[in-house]
Amino acid sequence: MPVRNLMEEIVGKVLKEMVAAQPELEKLDPIHRDDMMAIALNKLPPRYTTTTRGEVIVKSQIRAQLESDVYRELSEAYKIVANSPR
């Protein structure tokens, strides 16, 4: 298994949850959603793994510990993207 930053997957999942829950986010095009992910990922610590076992461990730890951080960073990213469209 190659080296992977699991934070990318987790931020993507949380972003999908936010889009489903907040109608104003549904209006964003994929480019703006990618911008939100990039902004949030630049502020969050990476979580790398190389094995399936490590992936399971990291995901369980991250979900419990960092979910609120991911929501916060994506919310801040949305403010930036909404105020500075390309």
N, C-alpha and C. Protein backbone atom coordinates (compact mmCIF):
# COMPACT_ATOMS: atom_id res chain seq x y z
N MET A 1 0.85 -1.17 0.00
CA MET A 1 0.00 0.00 0.00
C MET A 1 0.89 1.24 0.00
N PRO A 2 0.62 2.20 -0.87
CA PRO A 2 1.45 3.41 -0.90
C PRO A 2 1.16 4.32 0.31
N VAL A 3 2.03 5.26 0.54
CA VAL A 3 1.85 6.23 1.61
C VAL A 3 0.64 7.11 1.26
N ARG A 4 -0.27 7.26 2.24
CA ARG A 4 -1.47 8.06 2.02
C ARG A 4 -1.68 9.01 3.19
N ASN A 5 -2.16 10.20 2.86
CA ASN A 5 -2.57 11.16 3.89
C ASN A 5 -4.06 10.97 4.10
N LEU A 6 -4.44 10.32 5.17
CA LEU A 6 -5.85 10.02 5.42
C LEU A 6 -6.67 11.26 5.73
N MET A 7 -6.01 12.34 6.10
CA MET A 7 -6.75 13.56 6.39
C MET A 7 -7.51 14.04 5.14
N GLU A 8 -6.97 13.79 3.95
CA GLU A 8 -7.66 14.18 2.72
C GLU A 8 -9.01 13.47 2.61
N GLU A 9 -9.02 12.18 2.87
CA GLU A 9 -10.26 11.41 2.81
C GLU A 9 -11.25 11.87 3.86
N ILE A 10 -10.76 12.12 5.06
CA ILE A 10 -11.64 12.53 6.16
C ILE A 10 -12.23 13.91 5.89
N VAL A 11 -11.41 14.85 5.42
CA VAL A 11 -11.92 16.17 5.10
C VAL A 11 -12.96 16.07 3.97
N GLY A 12 -12.71 15.23 2.99
CA GLY A 12 -13.68 15.04 1.91
C GLY A 12 -15.01 14.51 2.41
N LYS A 13 -14.97 13.55 3.33
CA LYS A 13 -16.21 13.00 3.89
C LYS A 13 -16.96 14.04 4.71
N VAL A 14 -16.25 14.79 5.52
CA VAL A 14 -16.88 15.82 6.34
C VAL A 14 -17.48 16.90 5.43
N LEU A 15 -16.78 17.26 4.37
CA LEU A 15 -17.31 18.25 3.44
C LEU A 15 -18.62 17.75 2.81
N LYS A 16 -18.67 16.49 2.43
CA LYS A 16 -19.91 15.93 1.88
C LYS A 16 -21.04 16.00 2.89
N GLU A 17 -20.74 15.71 4.15
CA GLU A 17 -21.75 15.81 5.21
C GLU A 17 -22.24 17.25 5.37
N MET A 18 -21.31 18.19 5.31
CA MET A 18 -21.69 19.59 5.43
C MET A 18 -22.55 20.04 4.26
N VAL A 19 -22.21 19.61 3.05
CA VAL A 19 -22.99 19.98 1.86
C VAL A 19 -24.40 19.44 1.97
N ALA A 20 -24.54 18.22 2.47
CA ALA A 20 -25.86 17.61 2.62
C ALA A 20 -26.70 18.34 3.68
N ALA A 21 -26.05 18.90 4.68
CA ALA A 21 -26.75 19.53 5.79
C ALA A 21 -26.99 21.03 5.59
N GLN A 22 -26.21 21.65 4.70
CA GLN A 22 -26.29 23.10 4.54
C GLN A 22 -26.57 23.46 3.08
N PRO A 23 -27.79 23.88 2.78
CA PRO A 23 -28.18 24.16 1.39
C PRO A 23 -27.29 25.17 0.67
N GLU A 24 -26.74 26.15 1.39
CA GLU A 24 -25.90 27.14 0.71
C GLU A 24 -24.62 26.52 0.15
N LEU A 25 -24.16 25.43 0.76
CA LEU A 25 -22.96 24.75 0.24
C LEU A 25 -23.26 23.95 -1.01
N GLU A 26 -24.50 23.53 -1.18
CA GLU A 26 -24.86 22.77 -2.39
C GLU A 26 -24.69 23.62 -3.64
N LYS A 27 -24.78 24.93 -3.50
CA LYS A 27 -24.67 25.85 -4.64
C LYS A 27 -23.24 26.01 -5.13
N LEU A 28 -22.27 25.63 -4.31
CA LEU A 28 -20.86 25.77 -4.71
C LEU A 28 -20.52 24.78 -5.81
N ASP A 29 -19.74 25.24 -6.76
CA ASP A 29 -19.31 24.31 -7.80
C ASP A 29 -18.11 23.49 -7.29
N PRO A 30 -17.77 22.42 -7.99
CA PRO A 30 -16.68 21.54 -7.52
C PRO A 30 -15.34 22.26 -7.33
N ILE A 31 -15.08 23.27 -8.11
CA ILE A 31 -13.82 24.02 -7.96
C ILE A 31 -13.77 24.69 -6.60
N HIS A 32 -14.88 25.30 -6.19
CA HIS A 32 -14.91 25.98 -4.89
C HIS A 32 -14.84 24.97 -3.74
N ARG A 33 -15.45 23.82 -3.91
CA ARG A 33 -15.35 22.79 -2.88
C ARG A 33 -13.92 22.30 -2.76
N ASP A 34 -13.25 22.15 -3.90
CA ASP A 34 -11.83 21.77 -3.87
C ASP A 34 -10.99 22.84 -3.16
N ASP A 35 -11.33 24.11 -3.42
CA ASP A 35 -10.62 25.20 -2.73
C ASP A 35 -10.82 25.10 -1.23
N MET A 36 -12.05 24.82 -0.81
CA MET A 36 -12.32 24.67 0.62
C MET A 36 -11.49 23.54 1.22
N MET A 37 -11.44 22.42 0.50
CA MET A 37 -10.64 21.29 1.00
C MET A 37 -9.17 21.68 1.13
N ALA A 38 -8.64 22.35 0.11
CA ALA A 38 -7.22 22.73 0.13
C ALA A 38 -6.92 23.68 1.28
N ILE A 39 -7.78 24.66 1.50
CA ILE A 39 -7.58 25.61 2.60
C ILE A 39 -7.60 24.88 3.94
N ALA A 40 -8.60 24.02 4.12
CA ALA A 40 -8.70 23.28 5.39
C ALA A 40 -7.51 22.34 5.59
N LEU A 41 -7.13 21.61 4.54
CA LEU A 41 -6.02 20.66 4.66
C LEU A 41 -4.70 21.37 4.99
N ASN A 42 -4.54 22.59 4.50
CA ASN A 42 -3.31 23.32 4.80
C ASN A 42 -3.23 23.73 6.27
N LYS A 43 -4.36 23.75 6.95
CA LYS A 43 -4.37 24.14 8.36
C LYS A 43 -4.45 22.95 9.31
N LEU A 44 -4.76 21.78 8.78
CA LEU A 44 -4.90 20.58 9.61
C LEU A 44 -3.63 19.74 9.54
N PRO A 45 -3.32 19.01 10.61
CA PRO A 45 -2.12 18.15 10.57
C PRO A 45 -2.36 16.93 9.68
N PRO A 46 -1.36 16.55 8.90
CA PRO A 46 -1.52 15.34 8.07
C PRO A 46 -1.51 14.09 8.94
N ARG A 47 -2.13 13.06 8.44
CA ARG A 47 -2.13 11.75 9.11
C ARG A 47 -1.80 10.71 8.04
N TYR A 48 -0.54 10.27 8.05
CA TYR A 48 -0.07 9.34 7.03
C TYR A 48 -0.15 7.90 7.51
N THR A 49 -0.36 7.01 6.56
CA THR A 49 -0.35 5.58 6.85
C THR A 49 0.15 4.83 5.62
N THR A 50 0.64 3.62 5.86
CA THR A 50 1.12 2.78 4.75
C THR A 50 0.47 1.41 4.74
N THR A 51 -0.34 1.11 5.76
CA THR A 51 -0.97 -0.21 5.83
C THR A 51 -2.47 -0.06 6.09
N THR A 52 -3.22 -1.10 5.78
CA THR A 52 -4.65 -1.10 6.05
C THR A 52 -4.91 -1.04 7.55
N ARG A 53 -4.13 -1.76 8.31
CA ARG A 53 -4.28 -1.74 9.78
C ARG A 53 -4.06 -0.34 10.32
N GLY A 54 -3.00 0.31 9.84
CA GLY A 54 -2.72 1.67 10.26
C GLY A 54 -3.84 2.63 9.87
N GLU A 55 -4.42 2.40 8.69
CA GLU A 55 -5.54 3.23 8.23
C GLU A 55 -6.72 3.14 9.18
N VAL A 56 -7.05 1.94 9.60
CA VAL A 56 -8.17 1.74 10.52
C VAL A 56 -7.90 2.44 11.85
N ILE A 57 -6.70 2.29 12.36
CA ILE A 57 -6.34 2.91 13.64
C ILE A 57 -6.39 4.44 13.53
N VAL A 58 -5.78 4.97 12.50
CA VAL A 58 -5.75 6.42 12.33
C VAL A 58 -7.15 6.99 12.15
N LYS A 59 -7.97 6.33 11.33
CA LYS A 59 -9.33 6.83 11.09
C LYS A 59 -10.15 6.86 12.38
N SER A 60 -10.02 5.84 13.20
CA SER A 60 -10.80 5.83 14.44
C SER A 60 -10.32 6.93 15.39
N GLN A 61 -9.02 7.16 15.44
CA GLN A 61 -8.49 8.22 16.29
C GLN A 61 -8.87 9.60 15.77
N ILE A 62 -8.75 9.79 14.49
CA ILE A 62 -9.03 11.10 13.89
C ILE A 62 -10.49 11.45 14.03
N ARG A 63 -11.35 10.52 13.73
CA ARG A 63 -12.78 10.78 13.78
C ARG A 63 -13.18 11.25 15.18
N ALA A 64 -12.63 10.62 16.18
CA ALA A 64 -12.99 10.97 17.55
C ALA A 64 -12.33 12.28 18.00
N GLN A 65 -11.07 12.49 17.62
CA GLN A 65 -10.31 13.61 18.15
C GLN A 65 -10.39 14.88 17.31
N LEU A 66 -10.41 14.73 16.00
CA LEU A 66 -10.25 15.90 15.15
C LEU A 66 -11.49 16.32 14.36
N GLU A 67 -12.60 15.62 14.53
CA GLU A 67 -13.78 15.94 13.73
C GLU A 67 -14.21 17.40 13.91
N SER A 68 -14.21 17.89 15.13
CA SER A 68 -14.61 19.28 15.34
C SER A 68 -13.61 20.24 14.69
N ASP A 69 -12.33 19.87 14.70
CA ASP A 69 -11.32 20.70 14.03
C ASP A 69 -11.57 20.75 12.53
N VAL A 70 -11.92 19.62 11.95
CA VAL A 70 -12.18 19.56 10.51
C VAL A 70 -13.40 20.41 10.17
N TYR A 71 -14.47 20.30 10.94
CA TYR A 71 -15.65 21.13 10.71
C TYR A 71 -15.30 22.62 10.82
N ARG A 72 -14.54 22.97 11.84
CA ARG A 72 -14.16 24.37 12.03
C ARG A 72 -13.36 24.90 10.85
N GLU A 73 -12.37 24.14 10.41
CA GLU A 73 -11.52 24.59 9.31
C GLU A 73 -12.30 24.67 8.00
N LEU A 74 -13.21 23.72 7.77
CA LEU A 74 -14.02 23.79 6.56
C LEU A 74 -14.98 24.98 6.62
N SER A 75 -15.50 25.29 7.78
CA SER A 75 -16.38 26.47 7.93
C SER A 75 -15.61 27.75 7.65
N GLU A 76 -14.40 27.83 8.16
CA GLU A 76 -13.55 28.99 7.89
C GLU A 76 -13.20 29.06 6.40
N ALA A 77 -12.92 27.93 5.82
CA ALA A 77 -12.60 27.87 4.38
C ALA A 77 -13.78 28.34 3.54
N TYR A 78 -14.99 27.97 3.97
CA TYR A 78 -16.18 28.42 3.25
C TYR A 78 -16.28 29.93 3.28
N LYS A 79 -16.00 30.56 4.40
CA LYS A 79 -16.04 32.01 4.50
C LYS A 79 -15.05 32.64 3.53
N ILE A 80 -13.86 32.07 3.44
CA ILE A 80 -12.83 32.58 2.54
C ILE A 80 -13.28 32.44 1.09
N VAL A 81 -13.76 31.27 0.74
CA VAL A 81 -14.18 31.01 -0.65
C VAL A 81 -15.39 31.87 -1.01
N ALA A 82 -16.34 31.99 -0.11
CA ALA A 82 -17.54 32.78 -0.38
C ALA A 82 -17.21 34.27 -0.56
N ASN A 83 -16.21 34.76 0.16
CA ASN A 83 -15.83 36.17 0.05
C ASN A 83 -14.81 36.46 -1.04
N SER A 84 -14.20 35.43 -1.59
CA SER A 84 -13.16 35.62 -2.61
C SER A 84 -13.33 34.63 -3.75
N PRO A 85 -14.43 34.69 -4.48
CA PRO A 85 -14.58 33.74 -5.59
C PRO A 85 -13.50 33.99 -6.64
N ARG A 86 -13.19 32.96 -7.37
CA ARG A 86 -12.13 33.07 -8.39
C ARG A 86 -12.46 34.08 -9.43
